[in-house]
Amino acid sequence: MTKGQYMSALAGWLKRLPKEDFEKAMEYYEEYFQEAGEENVEEAIRNLGMPKEAAEQIIQDLARQNAQKPVKNIRQGMSKVWVGILAVCAVPIAVPVIVVILAVLAVVILGGGGVLVSIVIVGAAGLLGGAAVFAASVALLFVSVRDALVNLGAGLLCCGISLWIFWGGVKLCIWFEQMIVKMLGRMVKKGGHKCEK
């Protein structure tokens, strides 16, 4: 196997990783081959193992690292959850066990995630509704000052409560993603220890 064939096969196994993680892994292996030199390519490939094995190790290591780092935003959390799912699939355990784990994981993610996304949507809808009431109170100011002030207060109250719900929903989504990532990291770690025995 040549360096080009190895890198191409490795890229094929890692292509489902988030772009940033994919590029870091490919750069690392490219540097590894450069340091080994053209004359030591075959020895470097023997040291690295087959591309599939190297890719599985990269994914599992990445999932373990992700489980230890806090999630900063929802997009990053989803990326970490995806890496965790790939890592669980890469752990060499029985296929029925993987199917059950992925089914339970899908139920947890879809169920819990659906509830949390609904909270965020309710908060956003409340903000829009409160803003509409606030805007209407300005127009009502020319008709009835008392009614305008009541609507103004109701709009501000709605915006305040909705903002709290929205912000809380986003924080809960980030927390939920972090818990999923940690759970996947533990599963990968336990699966890796079982394989080493």
C-alpha atoms as a PDB file:
ATOM      1  CA  MET A   1       0.000   0.000   0.000  1.00  0.00           C
ATOM      2  CA  THR A   2       1.318   3.447  -0.886  1.00  0.00           C
ATOM      3  CA  LYS A   3       0.996   6.597   1.192  1.00  0.00           C
ATOM      4  CA  GLY A   4      -1.620   7.960  -1.225  1.00  0.00           C
ATOM      5  CA  GLN A   5      -3.704   4.790  -1.021  1.00  0.00           C
ATOM      6  CA  TYR A   6      -3.466   4.802   2.781  1.00  0.00           C
ATOM      7  CA  MET A   7      -4.515   8.465   3.055  1.00  0.00           C
ATOM      8  CA  SER A   8      -7.344   7.940   0.577  1.00  0.00           C
ATOM      9  CA  ALA A   9      -8.661   4.923   2.514  1.00  0.00           C
ATOM     10  CA  LEU A  10      -8.310   6.798   5.817  1.00  0.00           C
ATOM     11  CA  ALA A  11     -10.210   9.773   4.389  1.00  0.00           C
ATOM     12  CA  GLY A  12     -12.976   7.409   3.296  1.00  0.00           C
ATOM     13  CA  TRP A  13     -13.343   6.061   6.849  1.00  0.00           C
ATOM     14  CA  LEU A  14     -13.196   9.530   8.442  1.00  0.00           C
ATOM     15  CA  LYS A  15     -15.383  11.432   5.965  1.00  0.00           C
ATOM     16  CA  ARG A  16     -18.399  11.425   8.332  1.00  0.00           C
ATOM     17  CA  LEU A  17     -16.495  13.355  10.994  1.00  0.00           C
ATOM     18  CA  PRO A  18     -17.170  17.091  11.383  1.00  0.00           C
ATOM     19  CA  LYS A  19     -15.002  19.056   8.935  1.00  0.00           C
ATOM     20  CA  GLU A  20     -12.645  20.513  11.555  1.00  0.00           C
ATOM     21  CA  ASP A  21     -11.958  17.130  13.184  1.00  0.00           C
ATOM     22  CA  PHE A  22     -11.528  15.484   9.768  1.00  0.00           C
ATOM     23  CA  GLU A  23      -8.970  18.079   8.701  1.00  0.00           C
ATOM     24  CA  LYS A  24      -7.012  17.790  11.975  1.00  0.00           C
ATOM     25  CA  ALA A  25      -6.813  14.006  11.673  1.00  0.00           C
ATOM     26  CA  MET A  26      -5.731  14.130   8.038  1.00  0.00           C
ATOM     27  CA  GLU A  27      -3.088  16.805   8.806  1.00  0.00           C
ATOM     28  CA  TYR A  28      -1.722  14.670  11.647  1.00  0.00           C
ATOM     29  CA  TYR A  29      -1.300  11.623   9.394  1.00  0.00           C
ATOM     30  CA  GLU A  30       0.135  13.732   6.583  1.00  0.00           C
ATOM     31  CA  GLU A  31       2.758  15.109   8.998  1.00  0.00           C
ATOM     32  CA  TYR A  32       3.434  11.582  10.292  1.00  0.00           C
ATOM     33  CA  PHE A  33       4.250  10.385   6.784  1.00  0.00           C
ATOM     34  CA  GLN A  34       6.381  13.467   6.074  1.00  0.00           C
ATOM     35  CA  GLU A  35       8.426  12.890   9.244  1.00  0.00           C
ATOM     36  CA  ALA A  36       8.847   9.202   8.384  1.00  0.00           C
ATOM     37  CA  GLY A  37      10.159  10.098   4.936  1.00  0.00           C
ATOM     38  CA  GLU A  38       9.552   8.475   1.552  1.00  0.00           C
ATOM     39  CA  GLU A  39      11.942   5.617   2.275  1.00  0.00           C
ATOM     40  CA  ASN A  40      10.042   4.587   5.456  1.00  0.00           C
ATOM     41  CA  VAL A  41       6.462   4.674   4.177  1.00  0.00           C
ATOM     42  CA  GLU A  42       5.936   0.917   4.471  1.00  0.00           C
ATOM     43  CA  GLU A  43       7.232   0.860   8.047  1.00  0.00           C
ATOM     44  CA  ALA A  44       5.037   3.875   8.939  1.00  0.00           C
ATOM     45  CA  ILE A  45       1.981   2.073   7.547  1.00  0.00           C
ATOM     46  CA  ARG A  46       2.804  -1.046   9.600  1.00  0.00           C
ATOM     47  CA  ASN A  47       3.109   1.125  12.735  1.00  0.00           C
ATOM     48  CA  LEU A  48      -0.179   2.900  12.061  1.00  0.00           C
ATOM     49  CA  GLY A  49      -2.156  -0.253  11.268  1.00  0.00           C
ATOM     50  CA  MET A  50      -4.858  -0.584   8.639  1.00  0.00           C
ATOM     51  CA  PRO A  51      -6.760   2.625   7.719  1.00  0.00           C
ATOM     52  CA  LYS A  52     -10.016   1.260   9.165  1.00  0.00           C
ATOM     53  CA  GLU A  53      -8.378   0.505  12.527  1.00  0.00           C
ATOM     54  CA  ALA A  54      -6.660   3.904  12.591  1.00  0.00           C
ATOM     55  CA  ALA A  55      -9.968   5.647  11.791  1.00  0.00           C
ATOM     56  CA  GLU A  56     -11.808   3.753  14.537  1.00  0.00           C
ATOM     57  CA  GLN A  57      -9.109   4.739  17.033  1.00  0.00           C
ATOM     58  CA  ILE A  58      -9.291   8.394  15.958  1.00  0.00           C
ATOM     59  CA  ILE A  59     -13.083   8.450  16.332  1.00  0.00           C
ATOM     60  CA  GLN A  60     -12.990   6.748  19.739  1.00  0.00           C
ATOM     61  CA  ASP A  61     -10.261   9.089  21.021  1.00  0.00           C
ATOM     62  CA  LEU A  62     -12.200  12.091  19.744  1.00  0.00           C
ATOM     63  CA  ALA A  63     -15.385  10.898  21.488  1.00  0.00           C
ATOM     64  CA  ARG A  64     -13.472  10.466  24.772  1.00  0.00           C
ATOM     65  CA  GLN A  65     -11.997  13.972  24.440  1.00  0.00           C
ATOM     66  CA  ASN A  66     -15.415  15.460  23.626  1.00  0.00           C
ATOM     67  CA  ALA A  67     -16.944  13.811  26.702  1.00  0.00           C
ATOM     68  CA  GLN A  68     -14.488  15.706  28.916  1.00  0.00           C
ATOM     69  CA  LYS A  69     -14.955  19.157  27.347  1.00  0.00           C
ATOM     70  CA  PRO A  70     -18.048  21.275  28.076  1.00  0.00           C
ATOM     71  CA  VAL A  71     -20.409  22.077  25.212  1.00  0.00           C
ATOM     72  CA  LYS A  72     -20.336  25.802  24.426  1.00  0.00           C
ATOM     73  CA  ASN A  73     -23.191  26.053  21.928  1.00  0.00           C
ATOM     74  CA  ILE A  74     -25.869  23.906  20.322  1.00  0.00           C
ATOM     75  CA  ARG A  75     -24.029  23.487  17.006  1.00  0.00           C
ATOM     76  CA  GLN A  76     -20.871  22.280  18.737  1.00  0.00           C
ATOM     77  CA  GLY A  77     -22.964  19.967  20.911  1.00  0.00           C
ATOM     78  CA  MET A  78     -24.600  18.347  17.890  1.00  0.00           C
ATOM     79  CA  SER A  79     -21.161  17.840  16.356  1.00  0.00           C
ATOM     80  CA  LYS A  80     -19.975  16.114  19.541  1.00  0.00           C
ATOM     81  CA  VAL A  81     -23.090  13.940  19.684  1.00  0.00           C
ATOM     82  CA  TRP A  82     -22.459  12.843  16.081  1.00  0.00           C
ATOM     83  CA  VAL A  83     -18.840  11.921  16.875  1.00  0.00           C
ATOM     84  CA  GLY A  84     -20.096   9.945  19.889  1.00  0.00           C
ATOM     85  CA  ILE A  85     -22.554   8.003  17.743  1.00  0.00           C
ATOM     86  CA  LEU A  86     -19.789   7.225  15.232  1.00  0.00           C
ATOM     87  CA  ALA A  87     -17.560   6.080  18.100  1.00  0.00           C
ATOM     88  CA  VAL A  88     -20.225   3.759  19.509  1.00  0.00           C
ATOM     89  CA  CYS A  89     -20.566   2.214  16.060  1.00  0.00           C
ATOM     90  CA  ALA A  90     -16.766   1.826  15.848  1.00  0.00           C
ATOM     91  CA  VAL A  91     -16.461  -0.064  19.163  1.00  0.00           C
ATOM     92  CA  PRO A  92     -16.167  -3.744  18.280  1.00  0.00           C
ATOM     93  CA  ILE A  93     -19.153  -5.208  20.132  1.00  0.00           C
ATOM     94  CA  ALA A  94     -21.978  -7.431  18.962  1.00  0.00           C
ATOM     95  CA  VAL A  95     -24.188  -6.007  16.199  1.00  0.00           C
ATOM     96  CA  PRO A  96     -27.474  -6.579  18.126  1.00  0.00           C
ATOM     97  CA  VAL A  97     -26.040  -4.643  21.076  1.00  0.00           C
ATOM     98  CA  ILE A  98     -25.128  -1.736  18.792  1.00  0.00           C
ATOM     99  CA  VAL A  99     -28.612  -1.771  17.248  1.00  0.00           C
ATOM    100  CA  VAL A 100     -30.261  -1.669  20.692  1.00  0.00           C
ATOM    101  CA  ILE A 101     -27.911   1.067  21.924  1.00  0.00           C
ATOM    102  CA  LEU A 102     -28.538   3.200  18.840  1.00  0.00           C
ATOM    103  CA  ALA A 103     -32.315   2.659  19.084  1.00  0.00           C
ATOM    104  CA  VAL A 104     -32.387   3.717  22.747  1.00  0.00           C
ATOM    105  CA  LEU A 105     -30.101   6.624  21.962  1.00  0.00           C
ATOM    106  CA  ALA A 106     -32.358   7.744  19.106  1.00  0.00           C
ATOM    107  CA  VAL A 107     -35.407   7.651  21.399  1.00  0.00           C
ATOM    108  CA  VAL A 108     -33.594   9.667  24.074  1.00  0.00           C
ATOM    109  CA  ILE A 109     -32.245  12.228  21.605  1.00  0.00           C
ATOM    110  CA  LEU A 110     -35.486  12.620  19.642  1.00  0.00           C
ATOM    111  CA  GLY A 111     -37.742  12.586  22.705  1.00  0.00           C
ATOM    112  CA  GLY A 112     -35.667  14.781  24.996  1.00  0.00           C
ATOM    113  CA  GLY A 113     -34.432  16.965  22.174  1.00  0.00           C
ATOM    114  CA  GLY A 114     -37.972  17.430  20.874  1.00  0.00           C
ATOM    115  CA  VAL A 115     -39.192  18.622  24.268  1.00  0.00           C
ATOM    116  CA  LEU A 116     -36.266  21.033  24.632  1.00  0.00           C
ATOM    117  CA  VAL A 117     -36.631  22.402  21.109  1.00  0.00           C
ATOM    118  CA  SER A 118     -40.355  22.913  21.826  1.00  0.00           C
ATOM    119  CA  ILE A 119     -39.441  24.981  24.891  1.00  0.00           C
ATOM    120  CA  VAL A 120     -37.149  27.156  22.776  1.00  0.00           C
ATOM    121  CA  ILE A 121     -39.887  27.577  20.134  1.00  0.00           C
ATOM    122  CA  VAL A 122     -42.452  28.542  22.786  1.00  0.00           C
ATOM    123  CA  GLY A 123     -40.012  31.145  24.116  1.00  0.00           C
ATOM    124  CA  ALA A 124     -39.382  32.541  20.627  1.00  0.00           C
ATOM    125  CA  ALA A 125     -43.112  32.636  19.849  1.00  0.00           C
ATOM    126  CA  GLY A 126     -43.779  34.432  23.129  1.00  0.00           C
ATOM    127  CA  LEU A 127     -41.112  37.008  22.296  1.00  0.00           C
ATOM    128  CA  LEU A 128     -42.705  37.648  18.908  1.00  0.00           C
ATOM    129  CA  GLY A 129     -46.176  37.856  20.469  1.00  0.00           C
ATOM    130  CA  GLY A 130     -44.972  40.217  23.198  1.00  0.00           C
ATOM    131  CA  ALA A 131     -43.257  42.413  20.598  1.00  0.00           C
ATOM    132  CA  ALA A 132     -46.490  42.514  18.545  1.00  0.00           C
ATOM    133  CA  VAL A 133     -48.530  43.538  21.617  1.00  0.00           C
ATOM    134  CA  PHE A 134     -45.930  46.178  22.458  1.00  0.00           C
ATOM    135  CA  ALA A 135     -46.087  47.578  18.894  1.00  0.00           C
ATOM    136  CA  ALA A 136     -49.886  47.569  18.993  1.00  0.00           C
ATOM    137  CA  SER A 137     -49.850  49.489  22.290  1.00  0.00           C
ATOM    138  CA  VAL A 138     -47.925  52.307  20.605  1.00  0.00           C
ATOM    139  CA  ALA A 139     -50.661  52.607  17.968  1.00  0.00           C
ATOM    140  CA  LEU A 140     -53.323  52.409  20.711  1.00  0.00           C
ATOM    141  CA  LEU A 141     -51.665  55.308  22.538  1.00  0.00           C
ATOM    142  CA  PHE A 142     -53.459  57.761  20.239  1.00  0.00           C
ATOM    143  CA  VAL A 143     -56.860  56.216  21.006  1.00  0.00           C
ATOM    144  CA  SER A 144     -56.734  55.442  24.728  1.00  0.00           C
ATOM    145  CA  VAL A 145     -53.728  56.094  26.958  1.00  0.00           C
ATOM    146  CA  ARG A 146     -55.024  53.751  29.691  1.00  0.00           C
ATOM    147  CA  ASP A 147     -55.537  50.839  27.285  1.00  0.00           C
ATOM    148  CA  ALA A 148     -52.170  51.569  25.660  1.00  0.00           C
ATOM    149  CA  LEU A 149     -50.383  51.401  29.031  1.00  0.00           C
ATOM    150  CA  VAL A 150     -52.127  48.123  29.945  1.00  0.00           C
ATOM    151  CA  ASN A 151     -51.129  46.603  26.593  1.00  0.00           C
ATOM    152  CA  LEU A 152     -47.618  48.010  26.931  1.00  0.00           C
ATOM    153  CA  GLY A 153     -47.248  46.330  30.335  1.00  0.00           C
ATOM    154  CA  ALA A 154     -48.695  43.048  29.020  1.00  0.00           C
ATOM    155  CA  GLY A 155     -46.334  43.110  26.040  1.00  0.00           C
ATOM    156  CA  LEU A 156     -43.293  43.782  28.217  1.00  0.00           C
ATOM    157  CA  LEU A 157     -44.354  41.060  30.685  1.00  0.00           C
ATOM    158  CA  CYS A 158     -44.827  38.578  27.836  1.00  0.00           C
ATOM    159  CA  CYS A 159     -41.427  39.499  26.377  1.00  0.00           C
ATOM    160  CA  GLY A 160     -39.728  39.147  29.769  1.00  0.00           C
ATOM    161  CA  ILE A 161     -41.228  35.735  30.556  1.00  0.00           C
ATOM    162  CA  SER A 162     -40.640  34.503  27.005  1.00  0.00           C
ATOM    163  CA  LEU A 163     -37.036  35.662  27.046  1.00  0.00           C
ATOM    164  CA  TRP A 164     -36.512  33.718  30.284  1.00  0.00           C
ATOM    165  CA  ILE A 165     -38.138  30.606  28.751  1.00  0.00           C
ATOM    166  CA  PHE A 166     -36.105  30.964  25.533  1.00  0.00           C
ATOM    167  CA  TRP A 167     -32.797  31.438  27.360  1.00  0.00           C
ATOM    168  CA  GLY A 168     -33.575  28.556  29.730  1.00  0.00           C
ATOM    169  CA  GLY A 169     -34.505  26.330  26.789  1.00  0.00           C
ATOM    170  CA  VAL A 170     -31.221  27.062  25.018  1.00  0.00           C
ATOM    171  CA  LYS A 171     -29.250  26.353  28.225  1.00  0.00           C
ATOM    172  CA  LEU A 172     -31.192  23.089  28.699  1.00  0.00           C
ATOM    173  CA  CYS A 173     -30.421  22.082  25.098  1.00  0.00           C
ATOM    174  CA  ILE A 174     -26.707  22.651  25.694  1.00  0.00           C
ATOM    175  CA  TRP A 175     -26.867  20.697  28.979  1.00  0.00           C
ATOM    176  CA  PHE A 176     -28.765  17.848  27.272  1.00  0.00           C
ATOM    177  CA  GLU A 177     -26.177  17.638  24.490  1.00  0.00           C
ATOM    178  CA  GLN A 178     -23.367  17.579  27.055  1.00  0.00           C
ATOM    179  CA  MET A 179     -25.048  14.691  28.901  1.00  0.00           C
ATOM    180  CA  ILE A 180     -25.464  12.736  25.650  1.00  0.00           C
ATOM    181  CA  VAL A 181     -21.801  13.357  24.729  1.00  0.00           C
ATOM    182  CA  LYS A 182     -20.638  12.209  28.195  1.00  0.00           C
ATOM    183  CA  MET A 183     -22.843   9.121  28.004  1.00  0.00           C
ATOM    184  CA  LEU A 184     -21.432   8.233  24.571  1.00  0.00           C
ATOM    185  CA  GLY A 185     -17.894   8.839  25.863  1.00  0.00           C
ATOM    186  CA  ARG A 186     -18.489   6.416  28.763  1.00  0.00           C
ATOM    187  CA  MET A 187     -19.952   3.825  26.396  1.00  0.00           C
ATOM    188  CA  VAL A 188     -16.920   4.088  24.107  1.00  0.00           C
ATOM    189  CA  LYS A 189     -14.537   3.890  27.073  1.00  0.00           C
ATOM    190  CA  LYS A 190     -16.269   0.789  28.486  1.00  0.00           C
ATOM    191  CA  GLY A 191     -16.435  -0.842  25.051  1.00  0.00           C
ATOM    192  CA  GLY A 192     -12.743  -0.127  24.493  1.00  0.00           C
ATOM    193  CA  HIS A 193     -11.804  -1.671  27.862  1.00  0.00           C
ATOM    194  CA  LYS A 194     -13.825  -4.821  27.107  1.00  0.00           C
ATOM    195  CA  CYS A 195     -12.011  -5.237  23.801  1.00  0.00           C
ATOM    196  CA  GLU A 196      -8.583  -4.819  25.401  1.00  0.00           C
ATOM    197  CA  LYS A 197      -9.210  -7.690  27.904  1.00  0.00           C
END
